[in-house]
Structures are given as C-alpha cells and as structure tokens.
Amino acid sequence: MNWSAERLRKYLPNFSETKLWNKLSSFGQKAGVKTIYAVLLCYYVLKSPNVSKEDKAIIYGALGYFILPIDLIPDGIPVVGFTDDLAALVYALRTIWVNVTPDVEQQAATKLKTWFKDVDAEQIKLF
C-alpha cells in the first residue's frame, strides 16, 4: 500500500484514546512488538507539547487506521494481519520523526513492557 499524509488523514475520525487502549489490550501480543512499539511512539509524540497540527493529524490518522478492525488486511488474519497497520505507522513515524525525542522513546519502551517483558533494542528497530 502506498501511504501518504493525505491518505492517513482520512482515518483521523477513527481515533479515540479509549479505542486505542482497548485495541492494545485486546491485540497487543498478536500485533507484535514492532507494531506496538510504533503505536506507542506515535502516541507519546502526540502527547508532546511542541508537535505541529499537521504532524498530529498524520499521527491521528495512523492510529485511527490501527484501531480499525477491518482494513486492507483484516487484523484477525494470523501473521500478516497487522502488516498494513505497521506500514501506516512506519510511514507516519518517518514523516514526523523529528518529534521523536529520547523521552518519547523511553516512554514507549517502558510501556511496551506491558505486553512484552523481555525486549531488546534490535527487536524494536523500525528502520
């Protein structure tokens, strides 16, 4: 799938914090460590005070896409169900990476342990 900022913004209305945490609670393990780390990076960037509205819109769109249960590749399909979600999240992160501070990375890595106890830096390397 070819992602763009404009395409991601279409999924912005699907985002809500409640839906995000429900999805993470239900599918955290199934989605995999990289996908959940990407979600958490996006989430903590969203909470940062100096992020532009344009970058926030991209993040809301990527997280909104992640929340959708039925998208290009339905999340329930074993092994490949979250590959399209990860692609959207990685596109968003590449676009807004200037906002990913060491503090954001630390918050995401700490919260990641909710689903994955023993994670090393190589396992969460996105690019």
Protein backbone atom coordinates (compact mmCIF):
# COMPACT_ATOMS: atom_id res chain seq x y z
CA MET A 1 0.00 0.00 0.00
CA ASN A 2 1.28 3.43 -0.90
CA TRP A 3 0.85 5.70 2.13
CA SER A 4 0.71 9.48 2.09
CA ALA A 5 -0.12 12.14 4.67
CA GLU A 6 -3.36 12.89 2.83
CA ARG A 7 -4.39 9.24 2.80
CA LEU A 8 -3.66 8.81 6.51
CA ARG A 9 -5.70 11.88 7.44
CA LYS A 10 -8.83 10.06 6.17
CA TYR A 11 -8.56 7.73 9.17
CA LEU A 12 -8.32 10.56 11.72
CA PRO A 13 -12.02 10.27 12.74
CA ASN A 14 -11.43 6.64 13.83
CA PHE A 15 -9.07 7.68 16.61
CA SER A 16 -10.01 7.83 20.27
CA GLU A 17 -7.79 7.10 23.25
CA THR A 18 -10.32 4.65 24.64
CA LYS A 19 -10.44 2.70 21.38
CA LEU A 20 -6.65 2.76 21.14
CA TRP A 21 -6.10 1.32 24.62
CA ASN A 22 -8.87 -1.25 24.06
CA LYS A 23 -7.18 -2.37 20.83
CA LEU A 24 -3.80 -2.57 22.55
CA SER A 25 -5.29 -4.57 25.43
CA SER A 26 -7.01 -6.98 23.05
CA PHE A 27 -4.37 -7.36 20.35
CA GLY A 28 -1.05 -6.24 21.87
CA GLN A 29 0.61 -9.65 21.76
CA LYS A 30 -0.94 -10.60 18.43
CA ALA A 31 0.12 -7.36 16.72
CA GLY A 32 3.76 -7.94 17.63
CA VAL A 33 6.48 -5.98 19.32
CA LYS A 34 7.37 -3.70 16.38
CA THR A 35 3.79 -2.72 15.67
CA ILE A 36 3.04 -1.97 19.31
CA TYR A 37 6.29 -0.02 19.71
CA ALA A 38 5.38 2.05 16.63
CA VAL A 39 1.90 2.70 18.09
CA LEU A 40 3.41 3.79 21.39
CA LEU A 41 5.96 6.08 19.73
CA CYS A 42 3.14 7.75 17.80
CA TYR A 43 1.01 8.03 20.92
CA TYR A 44 3.73 9.63 23.03
CA VAL A 45 4.68 12.05 20.24
CA LEU A 46 1.02 13.02 20.15
CA LYS A 47 1.24 13.90 23.84
CA SER A 48 4.31 16.11 23.30
CA PRO A 49 3.53 19.84 23.55
CA ASN A 50 5.52 21.13 20.55
CA VAL A 51 4.14 18.92 17.79
CA SER A 52 2.57 20.74 14.84
CA LYS A 53 -1.09 20.28 13.94
CA GLU A 54 -0.01 18.77 10.62
CA ASP A 55 2.12 16.14 12.33
CA LYS A 56 -0.62 15.42 14.86
CA ALA A 57 -3.09 14.87 12.01
CA ILE A 58 -0.75 12.29 10.46
CA ILE A 59 -0.40 10.52 13.81
CA TYR A 60 -4.14 10.55 14.49
CA GLY A 61 -4.67 9.06 11.03
CA ALA A 62 -2.11 6.29 11.52
CA LEU A 63 -3.50 5.42 14.95
CA GLY A 64 -7.05 5.60 13.56
CA TYR A 65 -6.05 3.10 10.88
CA PHE A 66 -4.52 0.83 13.51
CA ILE A 67 -7.76 0.92 15.52
CA LEU A 68 -9.90 -0.23 12.59
CA PRO A 69 -10.53 -3.98 12.89
CA ILE A 70 -11.20 -4.45 9.20
CA ASP A 71 -8.85 -2.63 6.89
CA LEU A 72 -6.78 -3.59 3.86
CA ILE A 73 -5.59 -6.75 5.63
CA PRO A 74 -8.02 -7.68 8.45
CA ASP A 75 -6.26 -7.82 11.81
CA GLY A 76 -7.59 -11.28 12.60
CA ILE A 77 -5.53 -12.95 9.87
CA PRO A 78 -2.60 -14.71 11.57
CA VAL A 79 0.93 -13.50 10.80
CA VAL A 80 0.01 -10.86 8.18
CA GLY A 81 -2.99 -9.18 9.80
CA PHE A 82 -1.04 -6.21 11.14
CA THR A 83 1.44 -5.68 8.29
CA ASP A 84 -0.63 -2.91 6.72
CA ASP A 85 -1.02 -1.27 10.14
CA LEU A 86 2.74 -1.36 10.68
CA ALA A 87 3.31 0.13 7.22
CA ALA A 88 0.99 3.05 8.02
CA LEU A 89 2.66 3.59 11.39
CA VAL A 90 6.17 3.48 9.93
CA TYR A 91 5.17 5.96 7.23
CA ALA A 92 3.79 8.28 9.91
CA LEU A 93 6.92 7.91 12.04
CA ARG A 94 9.23 8.63 9.12
CA THR A 95 7.20 11.75 8.38
CA ILE A 96 7.17 13.07 11.97
CA TRP A 97 10.47 11.58 13.21
CA VAL A 98 11.87 14.98 14.19
CA ASN A 99 9.36 14.85 17.08
CA VAL A 100 10.60 11.51 18.43
CA THR A 101 12.75 12.56 21.36
CA PRO A 102 14.74 10.31 23.68
CA ASP A 103 11.99 10.90 26.28
CA VAL A 104 9.32 9.66 23.83
CA GLU A 105 11.42 6.60 23.03
CA GLN A 106 11.86 5.87 26.75
CA GLN A 107 8.15 6.23 27.48
CA ALA A 108 7.29 3.91 24.59
CA ALA A 109 9.90 1.32 25.58
CA THR A 110 8.71 1.37 29.20
CA LYS A 111 5.03 0.95 28.26
CA LEU A 112 5.94 -1.76 25.74
CA LYS A 113 6.81 -3.98 28.71
CA THR A 114 3.07 -4.17 29.44
CA TRP A 115 2.83 -6.68 26.58
CA PHE A 116 6.41 -7.82 26.03
CA LYS A 117 8.54 -8.35 29.14
CA ASP A 118 11.97 -9.02 27.61
CA VAL A 119 12.58 -6.72 24.66
CA ASP A 120 15.93 -5.54 23.38
CA ALA A 121 16.81 -2.67 21.05
CA GLU A 122 17.18 -4.92 18.00
CA GLN A 123 13.64 -6.26 18.35
CA ILE A 124 12.10 -2.79 18.23
CA LYS A 125 14.27 -1.32 15.48
CA LEU A 126 11.83 0.04 12.90
CA PHE A 127 14.19 1.41 10.24
